Amino acid sequence: MLDRKMKRRSLLLGLSAGLIGLGIPKSFASSSIARELPGERFLSMTSLHTNESCEVCFWKDGQFQEKEVKQLDSLLRDFRRNEATDMDKALYMQMALLQERLGGNVKFDIISGYRSPATNEMLRSKSGGVAKKSFHMTGQAIDLRVQGHDLAKVHRAALELKLGGVGYYPRSGFIHLDTARVRNWRGS
């Protein structure tokens, strides 16, 4: 129950900040966003590890579209163990706002979404760059790049949203987004 309340709070706070950043009046952003965010939100993504793709309308008429959200959750599963989780819906909204910031419909290449604790520990044993308490394990993080967009530009756009953590990994060719507190760092 507490986890669900934290996810909802993260969603509402993140959406408020993002809407304000996009020039939407604070009075709108601080109201009941779940009912009042207008329009539709689409995401198009491909998992680079499974080569699976989906393009869905995950938000319509002020509501998350549960069937489509489940498609996204499945695509972002831990492919090593074939385990999925309910990803933080605020992460999907954060990606949609990033997409808008980049100028419209984009296709996200996904490097990593959900990671089971076992997978995270295996990756940690092979690399010093994997956090012990990674937000990937709670469905609050994603590593991605955007087809046709310079990584530095995507990084700047993600920072401008001020919606959570943003990691920049130029040598590895991706950025990390999460729905935790606003912070940023540079990796390899």
N, C-alpha and C. Protein backbone atom coordinates (compact mmCIF):
# COMPACT_ATOMS: atom_id res chain seq x y z
N MET A 1 0.82 -1.19 0.00
CA MET A 1 0.00 0.00 0.00
C MET A 1 0.87 1.26 0.00
N LEU A 2 1.88 1.28 0.85
CA LEU A 2 2.77 2.43 0.91
C LEU A 2 3.48 2.63 -0.42
N ASP A 3 3.92 1.51 -1.07
CA ASP A 3 4.60 1.60 -2.36
C ASP A 3 3.68 2.24 -3.40
N ARG A 4 2.42 1.86 -3.39
CA ARG A 4 1.45 2.42 -4.34
C ARG A 4 1.26 3.92 -4.11
N LYS A 5 1.18 4.33 -2.84
CA LYS A 5 1.04 5.76 -2.52
C LYS A 5 2.27 6.53 -2.98
N MET A 6 3.46 5.94 -2.79
CA MET A 6 4.69 6.61 -3.20
C MET A 6 4.74 6.75 -4.72
N LYS A 7 4.30 5.71 -5.45
CA LYS A 7 4.30 5.78 -6.90
C LYS A 7 3.32 6.86 -7.37
N ARG A 8 2.14 6.93 -6.77
CA ARG A 8 1.16 7.94 -7.15
C ARG A 8 1.70 9.34 -6.86
N ARG A 9 2.32 9.51 -5.69
CA ARG A 9 2.90 10.80 -5.34
C ARG A 9 4.00 11.17 -6.33
N SER A 10 4.84 10.21 -6.68
CA SER A 10 5.91 10.45 -7.65
C SER A 10 5.31 10.87 -8.99
N LEU A 11 4.24 10.20 -9.41
CA LEU A 11 3.59 10.53 -10.68
C LEU A 11 3.05 11.95 -10.64
N LEU A 12 2.32 12.29 -9.60
CA LEU A 12 1.71 13.62 -9.53
C LEU A 12 2.75 14.73 -9.42
N LEU A 13 3.77 14.52 -8.59
CA LEU A 13 4.81 15.54 -8.46
C LEU A 13 5.58 15.69 -9.77
N GLY A 14 5.92 14.57 -10.38
CA GLY A 14 6.66 14.62 -11.64
C GLY A 14 5.87 15.27 -12.75
N LEU A 15 4.60 14.92 -12.85
CA LEU A 15 3.77 15.53 -13.88
C LEU A 15 3.60 17.02 -13.65
N SER A 16 3.43 17.41 -12.40
CA SER A 16 3.32 18.84 -12.11
C SER A 16 4.55 19.58 -12.58
N ALA A 17 5.72 19.08 -12.21
CA ALA A 17 6.96 19.75 -12.61
C ALA A 17 7.10 19.78 -14.13
N GLY A 18 6.79 18.66 -14.77
CA GLY A 18 6.91 18.60 -16.23
C GLY A 18 5.94 19.53 -16.93
N LEU A 19 4.72 19.61 -16.45
CA LEU A 19 3.74 20.48 -17.07
C LEU A 19 4.14 21.94 -16.90
N ILE A 20 4.62 22.28 -15.72
CA ILE A 20 5.08 23.65 -15.49
C ILE A 20 6.24 23.96 -16.42
N GLY A 21 7.17 22.98 -16.56
CA GLY A 21 8.31 23.15 -17.46
C GLY A 21 7.91 23.33 -18.91
N LEU A 22 6.77 22.78 -19.28
CA LEU A 22 6.28 22.93 -20.66
C LEU A 22 5.44 24.18 -20.84
N GLY A 23 5.35 25.00 -19.79
CA GLY A 23 4.62 26.25 -19.90
C GLY A 23 3.15 26.14 -19.58
N ILE A 24 2.72 25.02 -19.04
CA ILE A 24 1.33 24.86 -18.65
C ILE A 24 1.17 25.53 -17.29
N PRO A 25 0.14 26.33 -17.10
CA PRO A 25 0.00 27.10 -15.86
C PRO A 25 0.05 26.23 -14.61
N LYS A 26 0.65 26.78 -13.56
CA LYS A 26 0.81 26.06 -12.30
C LYS A 26 -0.55 25.63 -11.73
N SER A 27 -1.55 26.46 -11.88
CA SER A 27 -2.87 26.09 -11.35
C SER A 27 -3.38 24.81 -12.00
N PHE A 28 -3.11 24.64 -13.28
CA PHE A 28 -3.50 23.40 -13.95
C PHE A 28 -2.63 22.24 -13.47
N ALA A 29 -1.32 22.49 -13.42
CA ALA A 29 -0.39 21.43 -13.07
C ALA A 29 -0.60 20.92 -11.65
N SER A 30 -1.02 21.78 -10.74
CA SER A 30 -1.18 21.35 -9.36
C SER A 30 -2.57 20.79 -9.08
N SER A 31 -3.48 20.85 -10.06
CA SER A 31 -4.81 20.29 -9.85
C SER A 31 -4.76 18.77 -10.04
N SER A 32 -5.88 18.14 -10.07
CA SER A 32 -5.92 16.69 -10.17
C SER A 32 -5.51 16.25 -11.57
N ILE A 33 -4.23 16.04 -11.75
CA ILE A 33 -3.65 15.76 -13.06
C ILE A 33 -4.23 14.50 -13.67
N ALA A 34 -4.46 13.51 -12.87
CA ALA A 34 -4.95 12.24 -13.40
C ALA A 34 -6.24 12.40 -14.18
N ARG A 35 -7.04 13.40 -13.86
CA ARG A 35 -8.29 13.62 -14.59
C ARG A 35 -8.17 14.69 -15.65
N GLU A 36 -7.23 15.61 -15.52
CA GLU A 36 -7.26 16.80 -16.35
C GLU A 36 -6.18 16.89 -17.42
N LEU A 37 -5.23 15.97 -17.46
CA LEU A 37 -4.20 16.05 -18.49
C LEU A 37 -4.86 15.73 -19.82
N PRO A 38 -4.93 16.72 -20.70
CA PRO A 38 -5.71 16.55 -21.92
C PRO A 38 -5.00 15.67 -22.96
N GLY A 39 -5.80 15.20 -23.91
CA GLY A 39 -5.26 14.54 -25.08
C GLY A 39 -4.84 13.10 -24.88
N GLU A 40 -4.09 12.65 -25.85
CA GLU A 40 -3.59 11.29 -25.86
C GLU A 40 -2.07 11.32 -25.80
N ARG A 41 -1.50 10.28 -25.26
CA ARG A 41 -0.05 10.14 -25.19
C ARG A 41 0.31 8.77 -25.77
N PHE A 42 1.24 8.80 -26.72
CA PHE A 42 1.68 7.59 -27.40
C PHE A 42 3.15 7.33 -27.07
N LEU A 43 3.53 6.08 -27.06
CA LEU A 43 4.94 5.71 -26.98
C LEU A 43 5.21 4.62 -28.00
N SER A 44 6.36 4.74 -28.64
CA SER A 44 6.83 3.75 -29.59
C SER A 44 8.22 3.33 -29.13
N MET A 45 8.41 2.04 -28.92
CA MET A 45 9.70 1.58 -28.43
C MET A 45 10.05 0.20 -28.94
N THR A 46 11.35 -0.06 -28.95
CA THR A 46 11.90 -1.36 -29.33
C THR A 46 12.90 -1.79 -28.27
N SER A 47 12.78 -3.03 -27.83
CA SER A 47 13.77 -3.61 -26.92
C SER A 47 14.94 -4.09 -27.77
N LEU A 48 16.11 -3.55 -27.52
CA LEU A 48 17.28 -3.93 -28.30
C LEU A 48 17.74 -5.35 -28.02
N HIS A 49 17.32 -5.93 -26.89
CA HIS A 49 17.74 -7.29 -26.55
C HIS A 49 16.82 -8.36 -27.13
N THR A 50 15.54 -8.05 -27.27
CA THR A 50 14.59 -9.05 -27.79
C THR A 50 14.11 -8.71 -29.20
N ASN A 51 14.39 -7.50 -29.65
CA ASN A 51 13.93 -6.98 -30.94
C ASN A 51 12.41 -6.88 -31.02
N GLU A 52 11.74 -6.89 -29.87
CA GLU A 52 10.29 -6.69 -29.83
C GLU A 52 10.00 -5.20 -29.85
N SER A 53 8.91 -4.84 -30.51
CA SER A 53 8.51 -3.43 -30.61
C SER A 53 7.04 -3.29 -30.25
N CYS A 54 6.69 -2.10 -29.83
CA CYS A 54 5.27 -1.78 -29.68
C CYS A 54 5.09 -0.27 -29.85
N GLU A 55 3.94 0.09 -30.31
CA GLU A 55 3.53 1.49 -30.40
C GLU A 55 2.12 1.54 -29.87
N VAL A 56 1.93 2.25 -28.75
CA VAL A 56 0.64 2.25 -28.09
C VAL A 56 0.23 3.65 -27.63
N CYS A 57 -1.07 3.83 -27.53
CA CYS A 57 -1.65 5.01 -26.89
C CYS A 57 -1.90 4.59 -25.44
N PHE A 58 -1.00 5.01 -24.53
CA PHE A 58 -1.08 4.55 -23.14
C PHE A 58 -1.89 5.50 -22.26
N TRP A 59 -2.27 6.68 -22.79
CA TRP A 59 -3.02 7.69 -22.01
C TRP A 59 -4.08 8.29 -22.93
N LYS A 60 -5.33 8.27 -22.48
CA LYS A 60 -6.40 8.81 -23.30
C LYS A 60 -7.53 9.28 -22.39
N ASP A 61 -8.05 10.45 -22.69
CA ASP A 61 -9.20 10.98 -21.95
C ASP A 61 -8.95 10.99 -20.43
N GLY A 62 -7.74 11.39 -20.03
CA GLY A 62 -7.43 11.52 -18.61
C GLY A 62 -7.21 10.20 -17.89
N GLN A 63 -6.98 9.13 -18.63
CA GLN A 63 -6.82 7.81 -18.00
C GLN A 63 -5.66 7.04 -18.64
N PHE A 64 -4.94 6.31 -17.80
CA PHE A 64 -4.00 5.34 -18.34
C PHE A 64 -4.80 4.21 -18.96
N GLN A 65 -4.36 3.73 -20.09
CA GLN A 65 -5.01 2.64 -20.80
C GLN A 65 -4.32 1.34 -20.35
N GLU A 66 -4.97 0.61 -19.47
CA GLU A 66 -4.33 -0.51 -18.78
C GLU A 66 -3.81 -1.58 -19.73
N LYS A 67 -4.55 -1.92 -20.76
CA LYS A 67 -4.09 -2.95 -21.71
C LYS A 67 -2.79 -2.51 -22.38
N GLU A 68 -2.72 -1.26 -22.77
CA GLU A 68 -1.54 -0.74 -23.45
C GLU A 68 -0.37 -0.58 -22.47
N VAL A 69 -0.67 -0.18 -21.24
CA VAL A 69 0.38 -0.08 -20.21
C VAL A 69 0.99 -1.47 -19.98
N LYS A 70 0.17 -2.50 -19.96
CA LYS A 70 0.66 -3.87 -19.78
C LYS A 70 1.58 -4.28 -20.94
N GLN A 71 1.27 -3.81 -22.16
CA GLN A 71 2.15 -4.08 -23.30
C GLN A 71 3.53 -3.46 -23.08
N LEU A 72 3.53 -2.22 -22.59
CA LEU A 72 4.80 -1.55 -22.30
C LEU A 72 5.55 -2.29 -21.20
N ASP A 73 4.84 -2.67 -20.13
CA ASP A 73 5.45 -3.41 -19.03
C ASP A 73 6.10 -4.70 -19.53
N SER A 74 5.41 -5.39 -20.43
CA SER A 74 5.93 -6.64 -20.98
C SER A 74 7.18 -6.40 -21.81
N LEU A 75 7.18 -5.37 -22.63
CA LEU A 75 8.34 -5.05 -23.45
C LEU A 75 9.55 -4.71 -22.58
N LEU A 76 9.30 -4.07 -21.43
CA LEU A 76 10.39 -3.64 -20.55
C LEU A 76 10.78 -4.71 -19.52
N ARG A 77 10.30 -5.92 -19.70
CA ARG A 77 10.58 -7.00 -18.75
C ARG A 77 12.08 -7.31 -18.70
N ASP A 78 12.47 -7.99 -17.64
CA ASP A 78 13.83 -8.51 -17.50
C ASP A 78 13.92 -9.69 -18.47
N PHE A 79 14.51 -9.45 -19.63
CA PHE A 79 14.56 -10.46 -20.68
C PHE A 79 15.44 -11.65 -20.28
N ARG A 80 16.38 -11.45 -19.38
CA ARG A 80 17.26 -12.55 -18.97
C ARG A 80 16.49 -13.61 -18.18
N ARG A 81 15.48 -13.18 -17.43
CA ARG A 81 14.70 -14.10 -16.61
C ARG A 81 13.24 -14.18 -17.07
N ASN A 82 12.90 -13.42 -18.09
CA ASN A 82 11.54 -13.34 -18.61
C ASN A 82 10.54 -12.98 -17.50
N GLU A 83 10.92 -11.99 -16.68
CA GLU A 83 10.07 -11.52 -15.59
C GLU A 83 9.68 -10.07 -15.86
N ALA A 84 8.40 -9.79 -15.67
CA ALA A 84 7.90 -8.42 -15.83
C ALA A 84 7.42 -7.91 -14.48
N THR A 85 7.26 -6.60 -14.40
CA THR A 85 6.69 -5.98 -13.22
C THR A 85 5.80 -4.83 -13.68
N ASP A 86 5.00 -4.30 -12.78
CA ASP A 86 4.24 -3.09 -13.07
C ASP A 86 5.22 -1.93 -12.98
N MET A 87 5.58 -1.38 -14.13
CA MET A 87 6.48 -0.24 -14.16
C MET A 87 5.75 0.97 -13.59
N ASP A 88 6.50 1.92 -13.08
CA ASP A 88 5.94 3.17 -12.58
C ASP A 88 5.36 3.93 -13.77
N LYS A 89 4.08 4.18 -13.73
CA LYS A 89 3.41 4.87 -14.85
C LYS A 89 3.96 6.28 -15.06
N ALA A 90 4.49 6.87 -14.01
CA ALA A 90 5.10 8.19 -14.16
C ALA A 90 6.29 8.14 -15.11
N LEU A 91 6.95 6.99 -15.20
CA LEU A 91 8.07 6.83 -16.13
C LEU A 91 7.58 6.93 -17.57
N TYR A 92 6.42 6.35 -17.85
CA TYR A 92 5.86 6.45 -19.20
C TYR A 92 5.47 7.89 -19.53
N MET A 93 4.91 8.59 -18.56
CA MET A 93 4.55 9.98 -18.79
C MET A 93 5.82 10.82 -18.97
N GLN A 94 6.85 10.51 -18.20
CA GLN A 94 8.13 11.21 -18.33
C GLN A 94 8.69 11.02 -19.75
N MET A 95 8.60 9.79 -20.27
CA MET A 95 9.07 9.53 -21.63
C MET A 95 8.24 10.29 -22.66
N ALA A 96 6.92 10.36 -22.44
CA ALA A 96 6.05 11.10 -23.37
C ALA A 96 6.39 12.59 -23.35
N LEU A 97 6.66 13.13 -22.18
CA LEU A 97 7.04 14.55 -22.09
C LEU A 97 8.41 14.79 -22.73
N LEU A 98 9.32 13.83 -22.59
CA LEU A 98 10.61 13.93 -23.27
C LEU A 98 10.40 13.91 -24.78
N GLN A 99 9.54 13.06 -25.22
CA GLN A 99 9.20 12.98 -26.65
C GLN A 99 8.69 14.32 -27.16
N GLU A 100 7.79 14.95 -26.42
CA GLU A 100 7.28 16.26 -26.81
C GLU A 100 8.40 17.29 -26.86
N ARG A 101 9.28 17.24 -25.87
CA ARG A 101 10.40 18.16 -25.80
C ARG A 101 11.31 17.99 -27.03
N LEU A 102 11.38 16.76 -27.56
CA LEU A 102 12.23 16.48 -28.72
C LEU A 102 11.53 16.79 -30.04
N GLY A 103 10.28 17.22 -29.97
CA GLY A 103 9.60 17.67 -31.18
C GLY A 103 8.54 16.76 -31.75
N GLY A 104 8.07 15.80 -31.01
CA GLY A 104 6.97 14.97 -31.53
C GLY A 104 7.28 13.50 -31.42
N ASN A 105 6.62 12.72 -32.26
CA ASN A 105 6.74 11.27 -32.19
C ASN A 105 8.18 10.83 -32.43
N VAL A 106 8.69 10.04 -31.51
CA VAL A 106 10.03 9.47 -31.63
C VAL A 106 9.94 7.99 -31.31
N LYS A 107 10.96 7.27 -31.69
CA LYS A 107 11.03 5.85 -31.35
C LYS A 107 12.16 5.66 -30.35
N PHE A 108 11.82 5.08 -29.20
CA PHE A 108 12.78 4.83 -28.14
C PHE A 108 13.40 3.44 -28.34
N ASP A 109 14.72 3.38 -28.29
CA ASP A 109 15.44 2.11 -28.24
C ASP A 109 15.73 1.84 -26.77
N ILE A 110 15.26 0.69 -26.28
CA ILE A 110 15.37 0.37 -24.86
C ILE A 110 16.55 -0.57 -24.63
N ILE A 111 17.44 -0.14 -23.77
CA ILE A 111 18.58 -0.96 -23.38
C ILE A 111 18.22 -1.76 -22.14
N SER A 112 17.55 -1.11 -21.17
CA SER A 112 17.20 -1.80 -19.94
C SER A 112 15.97 -1.14 -19.33
N GLY A 113 15.03 -1.97 -18.92
CA GLY A 113 13.86 -1.52 -18.18
C GLY A 113 13.89 -2.17 -16.81
N TYR A 114 12.94 -3.06 -16.57
CA TYR A 114 12.91 -3.77 -15.29
C TYR A 114 14.09 -4.74 -15.20
N ARG A 115 14.66 -4.83 -14.01
CA ARG A 115 15.69 -5.83 -13.70
C ARG A 115 15.29 -6.53 -12.41
N SER A 116 15.24 -7.84 -12.46
CA SER A 116 15.00 -8.59 -11.21
C SER A 116 16.20 -8.39 -10.30
N PRO A 117 16.02 -8.58 -9.00
CA PRO A 117 17.16 -8.49 -8.08
C PRO A 117 18.31 -9.43 -8.49
N ALA A 118 17.98 -10.63 -8.96
CA ALA A 118 19.02 -11.58 -9.37
C ALA A 118 19.81 -11.05 -10.56
N THR A 119 19.11 -10.49 -11.55
CA THR A 119 19.80 -9.93 -12.71
C THR A 119 20.63 -8.72 -12.30
N ASN A 120 20.08 -7.87 -11.46
CA ASN A 120 20.83 -6.70 -11.03
C ASN A 120 22.12 -7.11 -10.32
N GLU A 121 22.04 -8.12 -9.47
CA GLU A 121 23.24 -8.59 -8.76
C GLU A 121 24.25 -9.19 -9.73
N MET A 122 23.78 -9.94 -10.72
CA MET A 122 24.68 -10.50 -11.72
C MET A 122 25.39 -9.38 -12.49
N LEU A 123 24.66 -8.34 -12.87
CA LEU A 123 25.27 -7.22 -13.59
C LEU A 123 26.24 -6.46 -12.70
N ARG A 124 25.89 -6.31 -11.42
CA ARG A 124 26.79 -5.63 -10.46
C ARG A 124 28.11 -6.38 -10.32
N SER A 125 28.05 -7.69 -10.38
CA SER A 125 29.28 -8.48 -10.23
C SER A 125 30.21 -8.32 -11.43
N LYS A 126 29.65 -7.86 -12.55
CA LYS A 126 30.44 -7.69 -13.78
C LYS A 126 30.83 -6.25 -14.05
N SER A 127 30.16 -5.30 -13.37
CA SER A 127 30.40 -3.88 -13.66
C SER A 127 30.26 -3.06 -12.39
N GLY A 128 31.12 -2.09 -12.23
CA GLY A 128 31.03 -1.19 -11.09
C GLY A 128 29.97 -0.12 -11.28
N GLY A 129 29.36 -0.02 -12.45
CA GLY A 129 28.40 1.03 -12.73
C GLY A 129 26.95 0.67 -12.43
N VAL A 130 26.70 -0.48 -11.83
CA VAL A 130 25.33 -0.91 -11.54
C VAL A 130 25.07 -0.71 -10.05
N ALA A 131 24.05 0.07 -9.73
CA ALA A 131 23.73 0.39 -8.34
C ALA A 131 23.17 -0.82 -7.60
N LYS A 132 23.57 -0.98 -6.35
CA LYS A 132 23.08 -2.08 -5.51
C LYS A 132 21.56 -1.98 -5.32
N LYS A 133 21.07 -0.76 -5.11
CA LYS A 133 19.64 -0.54 -4.92
C LYS A 133 19.05 0.17 -6.14
N SER A 134 19.31 -0.38 -7.30
CA SER A 134 18.91 0.21 -8.57
C SER A 134 17.39 0.40 -8.65
N PHE A 135 16.99 1.54 -9.18
CA PHE A 135 15.57 1.80 -9.41
C PHE A 135 15.00 0.92 -10.53
N HIS A 136 15.87 0.27 -11.29
CA HIS A 136 15.40 -0.70 -12.29
C HIS A 136 14.66 -1.84 -11.58
N MET A 137 15.08 -2.19 -10.38
CA MET A 137 14.47 -3.32 -9.66
C MET A 137 13.07 -2.99 -9.14
N THR A 138 12.73 -1.73 -9.05
CA THR A 138 11.40 -1.35 -8.58
C THR A 138 10.51 -0.84 -9.73
N GLY A 139 10.99 -0.98 -10.95
CA GLY A 139 10.20 -0.54 -12.12
C GLY A 139 10.15 0.97 -12.26
N GLN A 140 11.15 1.66 -11.71
CA GLN A 140 11.16 3.12 -11.74
C GLN A 140 12.25 3.69 -12.65
N ALA A 141 12.91 2.85 -13.45
CA ALA A 141 14.03 3.34 -14.25
C ALA A 141 14.07 2.67 -15.62
N ILE A 142 14.67 3.39 -16.54
CA ILE A 142 14.84 2.89 -17.91
C ILE A 142 16.12 3.48 -18.49
N ASP A 143 16.82 2.68 -19.27
CA ASP A 143 17.98 3.13 -20.02
C ASP A 143 17.58 3.11 -21.49
N LEU A 144 17.82 4.22 -22.18
CA LEU A 144 17.32 4.33 -23.54
C LEU A 144 18.16 5.26 -24.40
N ARG A 145 17.88 5.22 -25.67
CA ARG A 145 18.33 6.23 -26.62
C ARG A 145 17.16 6.47 -27.56
N VAL A 146 17.25 7.53 -28.34
CA VAL A 146 16.15 7.91 -29.22
C VAL A 146 16.64 7.87 -30.66
N GLN A 147 15.97 7.08 -31.47
CA GLN A 147 16.37 6.95 -32.86
C GLN A 147 16.36 8.30 -33.56
N GLY A 148 17.44 8.59 -34.28
CA GLY A 148 17.52 9.81 -35.07
C GLY A 148 17.82 11.07 -34.29
N HIS A 149 18.12 10.96 -33.01
CA HIS A 149 18.40 12.13 -32.17
C HIS A 149 19.77 11.97 -31.52
N ASP A 150 20.53 13.04 -31.54
CA ASP A 150 21.83 13.08 -30.89
C ASP A 150 21.65 12.85 -29.39
N LEU A 151 22.49 11.98 -28.84
CA LEU A 151 22.37 11.62 -27.43
C LEU A 151 22.52 12.83 -26.51
N ALA A 152 23.41 13.75 -26.85
CA ALA A 152 23.59 14.96 -26.02
C ALA A 152 22.32 15.79 -26.01
N LYS A 153 21.63 15.87 -27.15
CA LYS A 153 20.37 16.62 -27.22
C LYS A 153 19.29 15.94 -26.37
N VAL A 154 19.22 14.64 -26.43
CA VAL A 154 18.24 13.89 -25.62
C VAL A 154 18.54 14.11 -24.13
N HIS A 155 19.81 14.07 -23.79
CA HIS A 155 20.21 14.30 -22.40
C HIS A 155 19.78 15.68 -21.92
N ARG A 156 20.06 16.71 -22.72
CA ARG A 156 19.67 18.08 -22.33
C ARG A 156 18.15 18.18 -22.16
N ALA A 157 17.41 17.59 -23.08
CA ALA A 157 15.94 17.64 -23.01
C ALA A 157 15.44 16.94 -21.74
N ALA A 158 16.05 15.81 -21.39
CA ALA A 158 15.65 15.09 -20.18
C ALA A 158 15.95 15.91 -18.93
N LEU A 159 17.10 16.57 -18.91
CA LEU A 159 17.44 17.43 -17.76
C LEU A 159 16.45 18.58 -17.61
N GLU A 160 16.04 19.16 -18.73
CA GLU A 160 15.11 20.29 -18.70
C GLU A 160 13.76 19.91 -18.09
N LEU A 161 13.38 18.66 -18.18
CA LEU A 161 12.10 18.23 -17.61
C LEU A 161 12.09 18.30 -16.09
N LYS A 162 13.24 18.06 -15.48
CA LYS A 162 13.35 18.07 -14.01
C LYS A 162 12.32 17.15 -13.35
N LEU A 163 12.26 15.91 -13.86
CA LEU A 163 11.27 14.97 -13.37
C LEU A 163 11.83 13.82 -12.55
N GLY A 164 13.13 13.68 -12.48
CA GLY A 164 13.72 12.57 -11.74
C GLY A 164 15.19 12.48 -12.06
N GLY A 165 15.74 11.30 -11.87
CA GLY A 165 17.15 11.09 -12.14
C GLY A 165 17.44 10.98 -13.62
N VAL A 166 18.54 11.60 -14.03
CA VAL A 166 18.98 11.53 -15.43
C VAL A 166 20.47 11.21 -15.42
N GLY A 167 20.81 10.05 -15.94
CA GLY A 167 22.21 9.66 -16.09
C GLY A 167 22.59 9.77 -17.55
N TYR A 168 23.81 10.20 -17.81
CA TYR A 168 24.31 10.40 -19.17
C TYR A 168 25.50 9.49 -19.37
N TYR A 169 25.40 8.57 -20.32
CA TYR A 169 26.43 7.58 -20.60
C TYR A 169 26.85 7.68 -22.07
N PRO A 170 27.62 8.72 -22.41
CA PRO A 170 27.94 8.95 -23.82
C PRO A 170 28.77 7.84 -24.48
N ARG A 171 29.71 7.26 -23.77
CA ARG A 171 30.51 6.18 -24.37
C ARG A 171 29.68 4.92 -24.59
N SER A 172 28.77 4.67 -23.69
CA SER A 172 27.90 3.51 -23.83
C SER A 172 26.69 3.78 -24.72
N GLY A 173 26.42 5.06 -24.99
CA GLY A 173 25.38 5.43 -25.94
C GLY A 173 23.95 5.40 -25.43
N PHE A 174 23.74 5.77 -24.17
CA PHE A 174 22.36 5.82 -23.67
C PHE A 174 22.24 6.84 -22.55
N ILE A 175 20.98 7.17 -22.23
CA ILE A 175 20.68 7.94 -21.03
C ILE A 175 19.81 7.07 -20.12
N HIS A 176 19.90 7.37 -18.84
CA HIS A 176 19.09 6.70 -17.82
C HIS A 176 18.06 7.70 -17.34
N LEU A 177 16.81 7.26 -17.23
CA LEU A 177 15.75 8.07 -16.64
C LEU A 177 15.16 7.29 -15.47
N ASP A 178 14.84 7.99 -14.39
CA ASP A 178 14.09 7.34 -13.32
C ASP A 178 13.14 8.34 -12.68
N THR A 179 12.24 7.81 -11.87
CA THR A 179 11.19 8.64 -11.26
C THR A 179 11.50 8.97 -9.81
N ALA A 180 12.73 8.80 -9.41
CA ALA A 180 13.14 9.18 -8.05
C ALA A 180 13.37 10.68 -8.01
N ARG A 181 14.07 11.15 -6.98
CA ARG A 181 14.29 12.60 -6.84
C ARG A 181 15.11 13.14 -8.01
N VAL A 182 14.97 14.42 -8.25
CA VAL A 182 15.69 15.08 -9.35
C VAL A 182 17.19 15.13 -9.00
N ARG A 183 17.99 14.58 -9.90
CA ARG A 183 19.44 14.58 -9.78
C ARG A 183 20.00 14.17 -11.13
N ASN A 184 21.30 14.37 -11.33
CA ASN A 184 21.91 13.93 -12.58
C ASN A 184 23.36 13.56 -12.34
N TRP A 185 23.90 12.76 -13.25
CA TRP A 185 25.27 12.29 -13.16
C TRP A 185 25.75 11.89 -14.55
N ARG A 186 27.04 11.73 -14.65
CA ARG A 186 27.65 11.30 -15.91
C ARG A 186 28.38 9.99 -15.66
N GLY A 187 28.10 9.01 -16.48
CA GLY A 187 28.79 7.72 -16.41
C GLY A 187 29.66 7.54 -17.63
N SER A 188 30.03 6.33 -17.88
CA SER A 188 30.88 6.07 -19.04
C SER A 188 30.10 5.62 -20.25
